[in-house]
Amino acid sequence: MLYSLSLPSSSPSYPPAKPLKPRQLSPSPHPSHYIKFRTAHHENLRYLKAIGVIGPNSKSRQFPTPDAISHILATLKFFESKGFLETDFARLTFLCPELLSLNFDITDIEPVFQFLTDDLHASDQESRGLVIKCPRLLFSDVEYFLRPTLNYLRQLGVNKLNVPSNLNAHLLNIRVEQMQVRFEFLRSIGFSHDEAANICGRLPAIFGYSIENNLRPKVEYLVDEMKRSLDELKEFPQYFAFSLEKKIMPRHLHLKRRNVKIKLNRMLLWSDGRFYGKWKR
């Protein structure tokens, strides 16, 4: 900021002030380079805003530095080389803000893409789909996490894990130790090793269910309230996938009032219209 100084026109104690010459700024040695840099920087900011990497309401003080922007653009270019689209970047960077850090190194996630290609036999588009469904896969250790999980699931007969579904993406991101806890729960309620393996293989989503808030209450309701055998779960393990409060209990009580007993799959798989139309209220 320039300040205007008001000086007296004359003074009995001091000689007259010399007239001030306008100060001339020395020209930049490379003015065109500076202008180009500024233009490129603003264009990069507009681009990152347009694709959602920088929030539309971000203040200028929150913008990345030029060095950080160069780093971000190099990261996005790497993802483009893997088949990712510009429309993917907002989700990726929102769920994994580490990707925007200057400390992030592309070599840290290259083993994950190698694992998806070599171990999972996923195509570039399948790999992209899995990462988009669960971006945290990018920061999972291949040797101690992803590969053991994949091998464990395959031992249980879970196939086609390369298909980019929400379930497959999150299954790959569950540690073996967590899956074994669910497996041992099934063993603890009376299933043999092979029976528990068959249930998990047919309903791999079970590995994401809470034992205390999902599995155990449903087993207790099946046995204590519905008076059914656990053997029915061997035939229809998908029972665990239905809401206890919204689907299992209302339909069971509806049938109980009518003294009707049917198989679990008919009880739960039918639509509301078909179910309540068959056994009218």
Protein backbone atom coordinates (compact mmCIF):
# COMPACT_ATOMS: atom_id res chain seq x y z
CA MET A 1 0.00 0.00 0.00
CA LEU A 2 1.36 3.44 -0.95
CA TYR A 3 1.09 6.24 1.63
CA SER A 4 0.88 9.94 0.58
CA LEU A 5 3.17 12.07 2.73
CA SER A 6 2.18 15.72 3.27
CA LEU A 7 5.34 17.83 3.57
CA PRO A 8 5.44 21.52 4.52
CA SER A 9 6.22 23.86 1.61
CA SER A 10 8.88 25.67 3.53
CA SER A 11 10.56 25.68 6.90
CA PRO A 12 12.82 28.22 8.60
CA SER A 13 15.05 25.46 9.93
CA TYR A 14 15.46 23.26 6.82
CA PRO A 15 16.42 23.87 3.22
CA PRO A 16 13.69 23.68 0.65
CA ALA A 17 12.72 20.12 -0.23
CA LYS A 18 13.87 18.87 -3.59
CA PRO A 19 11.06 17.96 -5.97
CA LEU A 20 10.32 14.23 -5.92
CA LYS A 21 10.73 12.43 -9.19
CA PRO A 22 8.26 9.72 -9.99
CA ARG A 23 9.68 6.35 -8.99
CA GLN A 24 10.13 4.03 -11.92
CA LEU A 25 9.80 0.30 -11.31
CA SER A 26 12.46 -1.79 -12.97
CA PRO A 27 10.86 -4.02 -15.54
CA SER A 28 10.73 -7.78 -14.91
CA PRO A 29 13.50 -9.54 -16.81
CA HIS A 30 10.91 -11.99 -18.21
CA PRO A 31 7.50 -10.29 -18.12
CA SER A 32 5.96 -12.65 -20.66
CA HIS A 33 7.00 -15.70 -18.64
CA TYR A 34 5.39 -14.22 -15.52
CA ILE A 35 2.14 -13.51 -17.36
CA LYS A 36 2.10 -17.01 -18.82
CA PHE A 37 2.70 -18.50 -15.37
CA ARG A 38 -0.15 -16.48 -13.88
CA THR A 39 -2.46 -17.43 -16.72
CA ALA A 40 -1.60 -21.14 -16.49
CA HIS A 41 -2.05 -21.08 -12.70
CA HIS A 42 -5.54 -19.58 -12.97
CA GLU A 43 -6.48 -21.99 -15.73
CA ASN A 44 -5.39 -24.93 -13.56
CA LEU A 45 -7.45 -23.60 -10.66
CA ARG A 46 -10.51 -23.25 -12.90
CA TYR A 47 -10.00 -26.78 -14.19
CA LEU A 48 -9.73 -28.30 -10.71
CA LYS A 49 -12.85 -26.39 -9.68
CA ALA A 50 -14.72 -27.53 -12.77
CA ILE A 51 -14.09 -31.22 -12.06
CA GLY A 52 -14.86 -30.86 -8.35
CA VAL A 53 -11.39 -31.41 -6.92
CA ILE A 54 -11.48 -27.88 -5.48
CA GLY A 55 -14.80 -27.07 -3.84
CA PRO A 56 -16.87 -24.33 -5.51
CA ASN A 57 -17.08 -22.41 -2.23
CA SER A 58 -13.38 -22.59 -1.40
CA LYS A 59 -11.77 -19.28 -0.50
CA SER A 60 -8.65 -18.12 -2.29
CA ARG A 61 -6.57 -18.67 0.86
CA GLN A 62 -7.60 -22.32 0.72
CA PHE A 63 -6.37 -22.86 -2.83
CA PRO A 64 -3.41 -25.20 -3.29
CA THR A 65 -0.05 -23.62 -3.98
CA PRO A 66 1.31 -23.75 -7.54
CA ASP A 67 3.61 -26.61 -6.53
CA ALA A 68 0.69 -28.50 -5.00
CA ILE A 69 -1.42 -27.96 -8.11
CA SER A 70 1.34 -29.38 -10.30
CA HIS A 71 1.51 -32.39 -8.00
CA ILE A 72 -2.29 -32.87 -8.11
CA LEU A 73 -2.36 -32.63 -11.89
CA ALA A 74 0.38 -35.27 -12.15
CA THR A 75 -1.67 -37.53 -9.86
CA LEU A 76 -4.81 -37.07 -11.94
CA LYS A 77 -2.82 -37.77 -15.10
CA PHE A 78 -1.71 -41.08 -13.56
CA PHE A 79 -5.34 -42.04 -12.87
CA GLU A 80 -6.30 -41.09 -16.41
CA SER A 81 -3.62 -43.48 -17.66
CA LYS A 82 -5.44 -46.21 -15.69
CA GLY A 83 -8.75 -45.50 -17.42
CA PHE A 84 -10.30 -43.14 -14.86
CA LEU A 85 -12.54 -40.31 -16.01
CA GLU A 86 -12.62 -36.67 -14.97
CA THR A 87 -16.00 -37.34 -13.38
CA ASP A 88 -14.30 -39.81 -11.00
CA PHE A 89 -11.86 -37.34 -9.47
CA ALA A 90 -14.24 -35.49 -7.15
CA ARG A 91 -15.26 -38.73 -5.41
CA LEU A 92 -11.70 -40.03 -5.24
CA THR A 93 -10.24 -36.90 -3.71
CA PHE A 94 -13.16 -36.38 -1.33
CA LEU A 95 -12.91 -39.89 0.12
CA CYS A 96 -9.11 -39.98 -0.07
CA PRO A 97 -7.85 -36.42 0.56
CA GLU A 98 -4.36 -37.91 0.90
CA LEU A 99 -4.25 -37.89 -2.89
CA LEU A 100 -4.04 -34.09 -2.79
CA SER A 101 -1.11 -34.00 -0.39
CA LEU A 102 2.41 -33.12 -1.50
CA ASN A 103 3.50 -36.11 0.58
CA PHE A 104 1.53 -38.47 -1.63
CA ASP A 105 3.64 -40.56 -4.00
CA ILE A 106 2.10 -42.39 -6.96
CA THR A 107 4.47 -45.29 -6.39
CA ASP A 108 2.61 -45.97 -3.13
CA ILE A 109 -0.53 -47.09 -4.98
CA GLU A 110 0.99 -48.70 -8.06
CA PRO A 111 1.21 -52.12 -6.27
CA VAL A 112 -2.57 -52.02 -5.75
CA PHE A 113 -3.21 -51.66 -9.47
CA GLN A 114 -0.68 -54.43 -10.12
CA PHE A 115 -2.56 -56.65 -7.65
CA LEU A 116 -5.89 -55.94 -9.33
CA THR A 117 -4.40 -56.88 -12.70
CA ASP A 118 -2.23 -59.87 -11.79
CA ASP A 119 -3.97 -61.46 -8.78
CA LEU A 120 -7.59 -60.49 -9.30
CA HIS A 121 -7.38 -60.67 -13.11
CA ALA A 122 -9.36 -57.47 -13.42
CA SER A 123 -9.36 -55.38 -16.60
CA ASP A 124 -8.53 -51.68 -16.45
CA GLN A 125 -12.23 -50.81 -16.40
CA GLU A 126 -12.97 -53.41 -13.72
CA SER A 127 -10.09 -52.08 -11.62
CA ARG A 128 -11.41 -48.56 -12.05
CA GLY A 129 -14.89 -49.68 -11.01
CA LEU A 130 -13.65 -51.41 -7.86
CA VAL A 131 -11.57 -48.39 -6.82
CA ILE A 132 -14.47 -46.01 -7.46
CA LYS A 133 -16.74 -48.21 -5.29
CA CYS A 134 -14.16 -48.35 -2.48
CA PRO A 135 -11.35 -45.78 -2.89
CA ARG A 136 -9.74 -46.89 0.39
CA LEU A 137 -8.51 -49.94 -1.52
CA LEU A 138 -5.75 -47.67 -2.82
CA PHE A 139 -4.18 -47.49 0.63
CA SER A 140 -4.44 -51.18 1.53
CA ASP A 141 -1.22 -53.16 1.78
CA VAL A 142 -1.10 -55.83 -0.91
CA GLU A 143 1.13 -58.37 0.82
CA TYR A 144 -0.42 -58.26 4.28
CA PHE A 145 -3.98 -57.28 3.47
CA LEU A 146 -5.39 -57.58 -0.06
CA ARG A 147 -3.76 -60.84 -1.16
CA PRO A 148 -4.62 -62.81 2.03
CA THR A 149 -8.22 -61.55 1.82
CA LEU A 150 -8.51 -62.59 -1.82
CA ASN A 151 -7.11 -66.05 -1.10
CA TYR A 152 -9.44 -66.54 1.88
CA LEU A 153 -12.51 -65.61 -0.15
CA ARG A 154 -11.49 -67.92 -2.96
CA GLN A 155 -11.06 -70.80 -0.50
CA LEU A 156 -14.68 -70.27 0.53
CA GLY A 157 -15.77 -70.48 -3.08
CA VAL A 158 -16.39 -66.78 -3.64
CA ASN A 159 -15.72 -66.18 -7.33
CA LYS A 160 -15.90 -63.33 -9.83
CA LEU A 161 -14.45 -60.86 -7.36
CA ASN A 162 -13.15 -58.86 -10.31
CA VAL A 163 -16.70 -57.75 -11.12
CA PRO A 164 -16.85 -54.10 -9.99
CA SER A 165 -19.81 -54.39 -7.62
CA ASN A 166 -20.14 -52.51 -4.36
CA LEU A 167 -20.03 -55.83 -2.48
CA ASN A 168 -16.84 -57.07 -4.14
CA ALA A 169 -15.03 -53.78 -3.65
CA HIS A 170 -15.76 -53.71 0.07
CA LEU A 171 -15.12 -57.44 0.53
CA LEU A 172 -11.58 -56.98 -0.74
CA ASN A 173 -11.13 -54.25 1.85
CA ILE A 174 -12.00 -56.47 4.84
CA ARG A 175 -9.15 -58.06 6.75
CA VAL A 176 -9.03 -61.83 7.02
CA GLU A 177 -9.13 -61.60 10.81
CA GLN A 178 -12.47 -59.78 10.65
CA MET A 179 -13.93 -62.39 8.32
CA GLN A 180 -12.74 -65.23 10.52
CA VAL A 181 -14.65 -63.76 13.47
CA ARG A 182 -17.92 -64.09 11.50
CA PHE A 183 -16.95 -67.56 10.37
CA GLU A 184 -16.28 -68.65 13.95
CA PHE A 185 -19.62 -67.23 15.05
CA LEU A 186 -21.35 -69.60 12.64
CA ARG A 187 -19.29 -72.45 14.04
CA SER A 188 -20.23 -71.43 17.60
CA ILE A 189 -23.97 -71.76 16.95
CA GLY A 190 -23.64 -75.30 15.66
CA PHE A 191 -22.54 -75.32 12.04
CA SER A 192 -19.68 -77.52 10.90
CA HIS A 193 -16.64 -76.05 9.15
CA ASP A 194 -17.98 -77.01 5.73
CA GLU A 195 -21.49 -75.75 6.53
CA ALA A 196 -20.15 -72.40 7.74
CA ALA A 197 -17.94 -72.15 4.66
CA ASN A 198 -20.92 -72.86 2.41
CA ILE A 199 -23.00 -70.15 4.10
CA CYS A 200 -20.20 -67.60 3.76
CA GLY A 201 -19.56 -68.59 0.17
CA ARG A 202 -23.22 -68.16 -0.76
CA LEU A 203 -23.64 -64.95 1.24
CA PRO A 204 -20.21 -63.23 1.36
CA ALA A 205 -21.94 -60.02 2.46
CA ILE A 206 -22.13 -61.71 5.86
CA PHE A 207 -18.53 -60.58 6.45
CA GLY A 208 -19.75 -57.00 6.66
CA TYR A 209 -22.53 -57.70 9.16
CA SER A 210 -22.23 -56.94 12.85
CA ILE A 211 -22.45 -60.03 15.03
CA GLU A 212 -24.17 -58.33 17.97
CA ASN A 213 -26.43 -56.01 15.97
CA ASN A 214 -27.30 -58.30 13.08
CA LEU A 215 -26.32 -61.97 13.13
CA ARG A 216 -27.00 -62.92 16.73
CA PRO A 217 -30.41 -61.19 17.05
CA LYS A 218 -31.60 -62.82 13.83
CA VAL A 219 -30.46 -66.28 14.95
CA GLU A 220 -32.20 -65.84 18.30
CA TYR A 221 -35.41 -64.65 16.66
CA LEU A 222 -35.35 -67.55 14.21
CA VAL A 223 -34.98 -70.13 16.98
CA ASP A 224 -36.81 -68.57 19.93
CA GLU A 225 -39.69 -66.71 18.29
CA MET A 226 -40.15 -68.37 14.92
CA LYS A 227 -39.47 -71.86 16.33
CA ARG A 228 -37.45 -72.79 13.27
CA SER A 229 -34.34 -74.92 12.96
CA LEU A 230 -30.92 -73.53 12.13
CA ASP A 231 -30.86 -76.06 9.33
CA GLU A 232 -33.07 -73.67 7.37
CA LEU A 233 -30.11 -71.28 7.19
CA LYS A 234 -28.14 -73.89 5.26
CA GLU A 235 -30.79 -73.75 2.57
CA PHE A 236 -31.41 -70.01 2.75
CA PRO A 237 -28.46 -68.08 4.25
CA GLN A 238 -29.85 -64.93 2.59
CA TYR A 239 -32.09 -64.72 5.68
CA PHE A 240 -29.31 -62.67 7.29
CA ALA A 241 -29.58 -60.04 4.55
CA PHE A 242 -33.13 -58.99 5.45
CA SER A 243 -34.07 -56.41 8.06
CA LEU A 244 -35.28 -57.98 11.29
CA GLU A 245 -37.59 -55.09 12.21
CA LYS A 246 -38.85 -54.16 8.74
CA LYS A 247 -39.20 -57.52 7.00
CA ILE A 248 -38.63 -60.63 9.13
CA MET A 249 -40.74 -59.77 12.19
CA PRO A 250 -43.76 -58.25 10.39
CA ARG A 251 -44.05 -61.15 7.96
CA HIS A 252 -43.56 -63.79 10.62
CA LEU A 253 -46.27 -62.23 12.83
CA HIS A 254 -48.60 -61.87 9.84
CA LEU A 255 -48.26 -65.59 9.08
CA LYS A 256 -48.47 -66.57 12.75
CA ARG A 257 -51.85 -64.83 13.16
CA ARG A 258 -53.11 -66.90 10.25
CA ASN A 259 -51.50 -70.12 11.46
CA VAL A 260 -49.49 -70.36 8.25
CA LYS A 261 -45.94 -71.68 8.01
CA ILE A 262 -43.91 -71.51 4.82
CA LYS A 263 -40.25 -71.75 3.87
CA LEU A 264 -38.00 -68.82 4.65
CA ASN A 265 -37.33 -68.03 1.02
CA ARG A 266 -41.06 -67.72 0.21
CA MET A 267 -41.59 -65.69 3.34
CA LEU A 268 -38.87 -63.14 2.54
CA LEU A 269 -38.23 -63.11 -1.19
CA TRP A 270 -41.76 -62.37 -2.29
CA SER A 271 -42.73 -58.73 -2.87
CA ASP A 272 -45.13 -57.08 -0.41
CA GLY A 273 -47.91 -57.16 -2.96
CA ARG A 274 -47.52 -60.85 -3.66
CA PHE A 275 -46.93 -61.83 -0.03
CA TYR A 276 -49.81 -59.90 1.55
CA GLY A 277 -52.02 -60.65 -1.46
CA LYS A 278 -51.49 -64.39 -0.92
CA TRP A 279 -52.19 -64.21 2.82
CA LYS A 280 -54.58 -61.28 3.09
CA ARG A 281 -54.80 -59.27 6.24
